[in-house]
PDB file of N, CA and C in Angstrom:
ATOM      1  N   UNK A   1     125.913  44.713  71.723  1.00  0.00           N
ATOM      2  CA  UNK A   1     126.459  45.766  72.543  1.00  0.00           C
ATOM      3  C   UNK A   1     127.768  45.252  73.130  1.00  0.00           C
ATOM      4  N   UNK A   2     128.819  45.989  72.936  1.00  0.00           N
ATOM      5  CA  UNK A   2     130.142  45.534  73.333  1.00  0.00           C
ATOM      6  C   UNK A   2     130.252  45.378  74.849  1.00  0.00           C
ATOM      7  N   UNK A   3     130.680  44.186  75.260  1.00  0.00           N
ATOM      8  CA  UNK A   3     130.913  43.927  76.676  1.00  0.00           C
ATOM      9  C   UNK A   3     129.700  43.459  77.446  1.00  0.00           C
ATOM     10  N   UNK A   4     128.533  43.586  76.873  1.00  0.00           N
ATOM     11  CA  UNK A   4     127.299  43.147  77.533  1.00  0.00           C
ATOM     12  C   UNK A   4     126.584  42.222  76.560  1.00  0.00           C
ATOM     13  N   UNK A   5     126.232  41.052  77.019  1.00  0.00           N
ATOM     14  CA  UNK A   5     125.645  40.045  76.132  1.00  0.00           C
ATOM     15  C   UNK A   5     124.137  40.161  76.004  1.00  0.00           C
ATOM     16  N   UNK A   6     123.612  41.361  76.085  1.00  0.00           N
ATOM     17  CA  UNK A   6     122.185  41.572  75.871  1.00  0.00           C
ATOM     18  C   UNK A   6     121.913  41.558  74.368  1.00  0.00           C
ATOM     19  N   UNK A   7     120.713  41.145  74.009  1.00  0.00           N
ATOM     20  CA  UNK A   7     120.358  40.992  72.597  1.00  0.00           C
ATOM     21  C   UNK A   7     119.437  42.123  72.142  1.00  0.00           C
ATOM     22  N   UNK A   8     119.782  42.728  71.025  1.00  0.00           N
ATOM     23  CA  UNK A   8     118.981  43.814  70.465  1.00  0.00           C
ATOM     24  C   UNK A   8     117.564  43.327  70.185  1.00  0.00           C
ATOM     25  N   UNK A   9     116.594  44.062  70.679  1.00  0.00           N
ATOM     26  CA  UNK A   9     115.199  43.707  70.480  1.00  0.00           C
ATOM     27  C   UNK A   9     114.661  42.755  71.520  1.00  0.00           C
ATOM     28  N   UNK A  10     115.532  42.220  72.354  1.00  0.00           N
ATOM     29  CA  UNK A  10     115.102  41.305  73.411  1.00  0.00           C
ATOM     30  C   UNK A  10     115.216  41.973  74.780  1.00  0.00           C
ATOM     31  N   UNK A  11     116.445  42.364  75.162  1.00  0.00           N
ATOM     32  CA  UNK A  11     116.647  43.034  76.448  1.00  0.00           C
ATOM     33  C   UNK A  11     117.032  44.506  76.287  1.00  0.00           C
ATOM     34  N   UNK A  12     117.426  44.886  75.090  1.00  0.00           N
ATOM     35  CA  UNK A  12     117.843  46.266  74.803  1.00  0.00           C
ATOM     36  C   UNK A  12     117.393  46.659  73.403  1.00  0.00           C
ATOM     37  N   UNK A  13     117.462  47.937  73.134  1.00  0.00           N
ATOM     38  CA  UNK A  13     117.303  48.448  71.779  1.00  0.00           C
ATOM     39  C   UNK A  13     118.584  49.201  71.457  1.00  0.00           C
ATOM     40  N   UNK A  14     119.273  48.784  70.412  1.00  0.00           N
ATOM     41  CA  UNK A  14     120.571  49.358  70.067  1.00  0.00           C
ATOM     42  C   UNK A  14     120.436  50.226  68.824  1.00  0.00           C
ATOM     43  N   UNK A  15     121.024  51.414  68.899  1.00  0.00           N
ATOM     44  CA  UNK A  15     121.064  52.321  67.756  1.00  0.00           C
ATOM     45  C   UNK A  15     122.487  52.835  67.613  1.00  0.00           C
ATOM     46  N   UNK A  16     123.017  52.767  66.407  1.00  0.00           N
ATOM     47  CA  UNK A  16     124.389  53.204  66.156  1.00  0.00           C
ATOM     48  C   UNK A  16     124.480  54.589  65.530  1.00  0.00           C
ATOM     49  N   UNK A  17     123.357  55.106  65.081  1.00  0.00           N
ATOM     50  CA  UNK A  17     123.344  56.443  64.480  1.00  0.00           C
ATOM     51  C   UNK A  17     122.168  57.226  65.048  1.00  0.00           C
ATOM     52  N   UNK A  18     122.181  58.524  64.818  1.00  0.00           N
ATOM     53  CA  UNK A  18     121.066  59.363  65.268  1.00  0.00           C
ATOM     54  C   UNK A  18     119.768  58.930  64.585  1.00  0.00           C
ATOM     55  N   UNK A  19     119.853  58.574  63.317  1.00  0.00           N
ATOM     56  CA  UNK A  19     118.666  58.128  62.589  1.00  0.00           C
ATOM     57  C   UNK A  19     118.110  56.836  63.190  1.00  0.00           C
ATOM     58  N   UNK A  20     118.978  55.876  63.462  1.00  0.00           N
ATOM     59  CA  UNK A  20     118.538  54.619  64.085  1.00  0.00           C
ATOM     60  C   UNK A  20     117.929  54.889  65.459  1.00  0.00           C
ATOM     61  N   UNK A  21     118.526  55.808  66.209  1.00  0.00           N
ATOM     62  CA  UNK A  21     118.001  56.162  67.523  1.00  0.00           C
ATOM     63  C   UNK A  21     116.576  56.708  67.386  1.00  0.00           C
ATOM     64  N   UNK A  22     116.367  57.599  66.420  1.00  0.00           N
ATOM     65  CA  UNK A  22     115.034  58.153  66.185  1.00  0.00           C
ATOM     66  C   UNK A  22     114.053  57.052  65.786  1.00  0.00           C
ATOM     67  N   UNK A  23     114.498  56.118  64.955  1.00  0.00           N
ATOM     68  CA  UNK A  23     113.638  54.995  64.567  1.00  0.00           C
ATOM     69  C   UNK A  23     113.245  54.153  65.777  1.00  0.00           C
ATOM     70  N   UNK A  24     114.194  53.893  66.673  1.00  0.00           N
ATOM     71  CA  UNK A  24     113.912  53.089  67.871  1.00  0.00           C
ATOM     72  C   UNK A  24     112.923  53.812  68.778  1.00  0.00           C
ATOM     73  N   UNK A  25     113.075  55.129  68.930  1.00  0.00           N
ATOM     74  CA  UNK A  25     112.138  55.911  69.744  1.00  0.00           C
ATOM     75  C   UNK A  25     110.743  55.837  69.135  1.00  0.00           C
ATOM     76  N   UNK A  26     110.653  55.993  67.832  1.00  0.00           N
ATOM     77  CA  UNK A  26     109.367  55.900  67.141  1.00  0.00           C
ATOM     78  C   UNK A  26     108.754  54.518  67.340  1.00  0.00           C
ATOM     79  N   UNK A  27     109.583  53.483  67.229  1.00  0.00           N
ATOM     80  CA  UNK A  27     109.126  52.103  67.439  1.00  0.00           C
ATOM     81  C   UNK A  27     108.559  51.941  68.850  1.00  0.00           C
ATOM     82  N   UNK A  28     109.249  52.488  69.834  1.00  0.00           N
ATOM     83  CA  UNK A  28     108.789  52.393  71.225  1.00  0.00           C
ATOM     84  C   UNK A  28     107.443  53.086  71.408  1.00  0.00           C
ATOM     85  N   UNK A  29     107.304  54.254  70.810  1.00  0.00           N
ATOM     86  CA  UNK A  29     106.055  55.001  70.940  1.00  0.00           C
ATOM     87  C   UNK A  29     104.888  54.273  70.277  1.00  0.00           C
ATOM     88  N   UNK A  30     105.165  53.574  69.194  1.00  0.00           N
ATOM     89  CA  UNK A  30     104.112  52.872  68.459  1.00  0.00           C
ATOM     90  C   UNK A  30     103.825  51.475  69.005  1.00  0.00           C
ATOM     91  N   UNK A  31     104.720  50.934  69.843  1.00  0.00           N
ATOM     92  CA  UNK A  31     104.584  49.565  70.350  1.00  0.00           C
ATOM     93  C   UNK A  31     104.811  49.497  71.860  1.00  0.00           C
ATOM     94  N   UNK A  32     103.942  50.123  72.642  1.00  0.00           N
ATOM     95  CA  UNK A  32     104.167  50.154  74.095  1.00  0.00           C
ATOM     96  C   UNK A  32     104.160  48.771  74.746  1.00  0.00           C
ATOM     97  N   UNK A  33     103.378  47.847  74.228  1.00  0.00           N
ATOM     98  CA  UNK A  33     103.356  46.500  74.815  1.00  0.00           C
ATOM     99  C   UNK A  33     104.689  45.783  74.592  1.00  0.00           C
ATOM    100  N   UNK A  34     105.243  45.925  73.408  1.00  0.00           N
ATOM    101  CA  UNK A  34     106.551  45.326  73.125  1.00  0.00           C
ATOM    102  C   UNK A  34     107.618  45.994  73.991  1.00  0.00           C
ATOM    103  N   UNK A  35     107.525  47.303  74.135  1.00  0.00           N
ATOM    104  CA  UNK A  35     108.476  48.034  74.970  1.00  0.00           C
ATOM    105  C   UNK A  35     108.423  47.548  76.419  1.00  0.00           C
ATOM    106  N   UNK A  36     107.227  47.315  76.939  1.00  0.00           N
ATOM    107  CA  UNK A  36     107.100  46.784  78.310  1.00  0.00           C
ATOM    108  C   UNK A  36     107.774  45.420  78.428  1.00  0.00           C
ATOM    109  N   UNK A  37     107.613  44.577  77.419  1.00  0.00           N
ATOM    110  CA  UNK A  37     108.263  43.266  77.424  1.00  0.00           C
ATOM    111  C   UNK A  37     109.776  43.388  77.427  1.00  0.00           C
ATOM    112  N   UNK A  38     110.297  44.291  76.612  1.00  0.00           N
ATOM    113  CA  UNK A  38     111.747  44.521  76.591  1.00  0.00           C
ATOM    114  C   UNK A  38     112.204  45.011  77.958  1.00  0.00           C
ATOM    115  N   UNK A  39     111.436  45.893  78.557  1.00  0.00           N
ATOM    116  CA  UNK A  39     111.783  46.406  79.887  1.00  0.00           C
ATOM    117  C   UNK A  39     111.831  45.313  80.934  1.00  0.00           C
ATOM    118  N   UNK A  40     110.853  44.418  80.903  1.00  0.00           N
ATOM    119  CA  UNK A  40     110.833  43.308  81.872  1.00  0.00           C
ATOM    120  C   UNK A  40     112.018  42.370  81.659  1.00  0.00           C
ATOM    121  N   UNK A  41     112.306  42.057  80.392  1.00  0.00           N
ATOM    122  CA  UNK A  41     113.456  41.190  80.110  1.00  0.00           C
ATOM    123  C   UNK A  41     114.774  41.879  80.468  1.00  0.00           C
ATOM    124  N   UNK A  42     114.849  43.187  80.258  1.00  0.00           N
ATOM    125  CA  UNK A  42     116.056  43.940  80.622  1.00  0.00           C
ATOM    126  C   UNK A  42     116.269  43.916  82.129  1.00  0.00           C
ATOM    127  N   UNK A  43     115.193  44.067  82.880  1.00  0.00           N
ATOM    128  CA  UNK A  43     115.292  44.025  84.339  1.00  0.00           C
ATOM    129  C   UNK A  43     115.772  42.654  84.802  1.00  0.00           C
ATOM    130  N   UNK A  44     115.214  41.598  84.241  1.00  0.00           N
ATOM    131  CA  UNK A  44     115.632  40.239  84.604  1.00  0.00           C
ATOM    132  C   UNK A  44     117.088  40.001  84.199  1.00  0.00           C
ATOM    133  N   UNK A  45     117.473  40.485  83.023  1.00  0.00           N
ATOM    134  CA  UNK A  45     118.853  40.337  82.548  1.00  0.00           C
ATOM    135  C   UNK A  45     119.826  41.032  83.495  1.00  0.00           C
ATOM    136  N   UNK A  46     119.494  42.246  83.896  1.00  0.00           N
ATOM    137  CA  UNK A  46     120.363  42.998  84.804  1.00  0.00           C
ATOM    138  C   UNK A  46     120.476  42.300  86.152  1.00  0.00           C
ATOM    139  N   UNK A  47     119.367  41.818  86.675  1.00  0.00           N
ATOM    140  CA  UNK A  47     119.396  41.125  87.968  1.00  0.00           C
ATOM    141  C   UNK A  47     120.233  39.855  87.889  1.00  0.00           C
ATOM    142  N   UNK A  48     120.123  39.148  86.774  1.00  0.00           N
ATOM    143  CA  UNK A  48     120.844  37.885  86.604  1.00  0.00           C
ATOM    144  C   UNK A  48     122.338  38.102  86.367  1.00  0.00           C
ATOM    145  N   UNK A  49     122.695  39.175  85.681  1.00  0.00           N
ATOM    146  CA  UNK A  49     124.084  39.370  85.271  1.00  0.00           C
ATOM    147  C   UNK A  49     124.861  40.416  86.060  1.00  0.00           C
ATOM    148  N   UNK A  50     124.169  41.265  86.789  1.00  0.00           N
ATOM    149  CA  UNK A  50     124.859  42.372  87.442  1.00  0.00           C
ATOM    150  C   UNK A  50     124.504  42.529  88.911  1.00  0.00           C
ATOM    151  N   UNK A  51     124.063  41.453  89.549  1.00  0.00           N
ATOM    152  CA  UNK A  51     123.827  41.484  90.983  1.00  0.00           C
ATOM    153  C   UNK A  51     125.152  41.418  91.729  1.00  0.00           C
ATOM    154  N   UNK A  52     125.101  41.607  93.024  1.00  0.00           N
ATOM    155  CA  UNK A  52     126.316  41.588  93.848  1.00  0.00           C
ATOM    156  C   UNK A  52     127.098  40.289  93.686  1.00  0.00           C
ATOM    157  N   UNK A  53     126.401  39.156  93.693  1.00  0.00           N
ATOM    158  CA  UNK A  53     127.077  37.863  93.584  1.00  0.00           C
ATOM    159  C   UNK A  53     127.784  37.729  92.240  1.00  0.00           C
ATOM    160  N   UNK A  54     127.094  38.094  91.162  1.00  0.00           N
ATOM    161  CA  UNK A  54     127.668  37.967  89.823  1.00  0.00           C
ATOM    162  C   UNK A  54     128.899  38.866  89.664  1.00  0.00           C
ATOM    163  N   UNK A  55     128.837  40.054  90.227  1.00  0.00           N
ATOM    164  CA  UNK A  55     129.988  40.954  90.159  1.00  0.00           C
ATOM    165  C   UNK A  55     131.149  40.390  90.962  1.00  0.00           C
ATOM    166  N   UNK A  56     130.858  39.840  92.140  1.00  0.00           N
ATOM    167  CA  UNK A  56     131.914  39.237  92.962  1.00  0.00           C
ATOM    168  C   UNK A  56     132.580  38.080  92.219  1.00  0.00           C
ATOM    169  N   UNK A  57     131.792  37.252  91.556  1.00  0.00           N
ATOM    170  CA  UNK A  57     132.347  36.134  90.784  1.00  0.00           C
ATOM    171  C   UNK A  57     133.241  36.670  89.664  1.00  0.00           C
ATOM    172  N   UNK A  58     132.801  37.708  88.967  1.00  0.00           N
ATOM    173  CA  UNK A  58     133.609  38.290  87.887  1.00  0.00           C
ATOM    174  C   UNK A  58     134.923  38.854  88.408  1.00  0.00           C
ATOM    175  N   UNK A  59     134.874  39.520  89.550  1.00  0.00           N
ATOM    176  CA  UNK A  59     136.094  40.077  90.145  1.00  0.00           C
ATOM    177  C   UNK A  59     137.041  38.957  90.549  1.00  0.00           C
ATOM    178  N   UNK A  60     136.508  37.908  91.155  1.00  0.00           N
ATOM    179  CA  UNK A  60     137.342  36.772  91.554  1.00  0.00           C
ATOM    180  C   UNK A  60     138.001  36.124  90.338  1.00  0.00           C
ATOM    181  N   UNK A  61     137.264  35.966  89.256  1.00  0.00           N
ATOM    182  CA  UNK A  61     137.832  35.398  88.029  1.00  0.00           C
ATOM    183  C   UNK A  61     138.946  36.292  87.484  1.00  0.00           C
ATOM    184  N   UNK A  62     138.735  37.595  87.531  1.00  0.00           N
ATOM    185  CA  UNK A  62     139.769  38.519  87.059  1.00  0.00           C
ATOM    186  C   UNK A  62     141.030  38.391  87.905  1.00  0.00           C
ATOM    187  N   UNK A  63     140.874  38.315  89.233  1.00  0.00           N
ATOM    188  CA  UNK A  63     142.032  38.139  90.114  1.00  0.00           C
ATOM    189  C   UNK A  63     142.742  36.815  89.842  1.00  0.00           C
ATOM    190  N   UNK A  64     141.977  35.751  89.658  1.00  0.00           N
ATOM    191  CA  UNK A  64     142.583  34.448  89.356  1.00  0.00           C
ATOM    192  C   UNK A  64     143.404  34.519  88.070  1.00  0.00           C
ATOM    193  N   UNK A  65     142.858  35.179  87.059  1.00  0.00           N
ATOM    194  CA  UNK A  65     143.576  35.317  85.790  1.00  0.00           C
ATOM    195  C   UNK A  65     144.852  36.130  85.959  1.00  0.00           C
ATOM    196  N   UNK A  66     144.776  37.204  86.725  1.00  0.00           N
ATOM    197  CA  UNK A  66     145.969  38.023  86.966  1.00  0.00           C
ATOM    198  C   UNK A  66     147.038  37.243  87.715  1.00  0.00           C
ATOM    199  N   UNK A  67     146.618  36.496  88.729  1.00  0.00           N
ATOM    200  CA  UNK A  67     147.563  35.692  89.508  1.00  0.00           C
ATOM    201  C   UNK A  67     148.195  34.628  88.621  1.00  0.00           C
ATOM    202  N   UNK A  68     147.377  33.978  87.800  1.00  0.00           N
ATOM    203  CA  UNK A  68     147.872  32.943  86.895  1.00  0.00           C
ATOM    204  C   UNK A  68     148.882  33.524  85.909  1.00  0.00           C
ATOM    205  N   UNK A  69     148.585  34.694  85.363  1.00  0.00           N
ATOM    206  CA  UNK A  69     149.510  35.347  84.432  1.00  0.00           C
ATOM    207  C   UNK A  69     150.815  35.705  85.133  1.00  0.00           C
ATOM    208  N   UNK A  70     150.729  36.175  86.361  1.00  0.00           N
ATOM    209  CA  UNK A  70     151.917  36.575  87.123  1.00  0.00           C
ATOM    210  C   UNK A  70     152.798  35.360  87.410  1.00  0.00           C
ATOM    211  N   UNK A  71     152.166  34.234  87.722  1.00  0.00           N
ATOM    212  CA  UNK A  71     152.913  33.016  88.039  1.00  0.00           C
ATOM    213  C   UNK A  71     153.621  32.479  86.801  1.00  0.00           C
ATOM    214  N   UNK A  72     152.957  32.526  85.652  1.00  0.00           N
ATOM    215  CA  UNK A  72     153.539  31.967  84.431  1.00  0.00           C
ATOM    216  C   UNK A  72     154.476  32.944  83.725  1.00  0.00           C
ATOM    217  N   UNK A  73     154.481  34.185  84.132  1.00  0.00           N
ATOM    218  CA  UNK A  73     155.335  35.189  83.459  1.00  0.00           C
ATOM    219  C   UNK A  73     156.764  35.140  83.935  1.00  0.00           C
TER     220      UNK A  73
END
């Protein structure tokens, strides 16, 4: 998934077409235990990567990069 380092089948289910989307829905309906595991890992992934602290660190890094580019330009 572009921009997010989640892994298909681990923290997310990715579908690029309507057919793939339907297959993933069918898979979820047939494998509720696996779906629960993906949900738990997705929740942990989101907490680890998108909490307030992590977002603040990302913003600070972006500002540092902008300042560095401005200084060297």
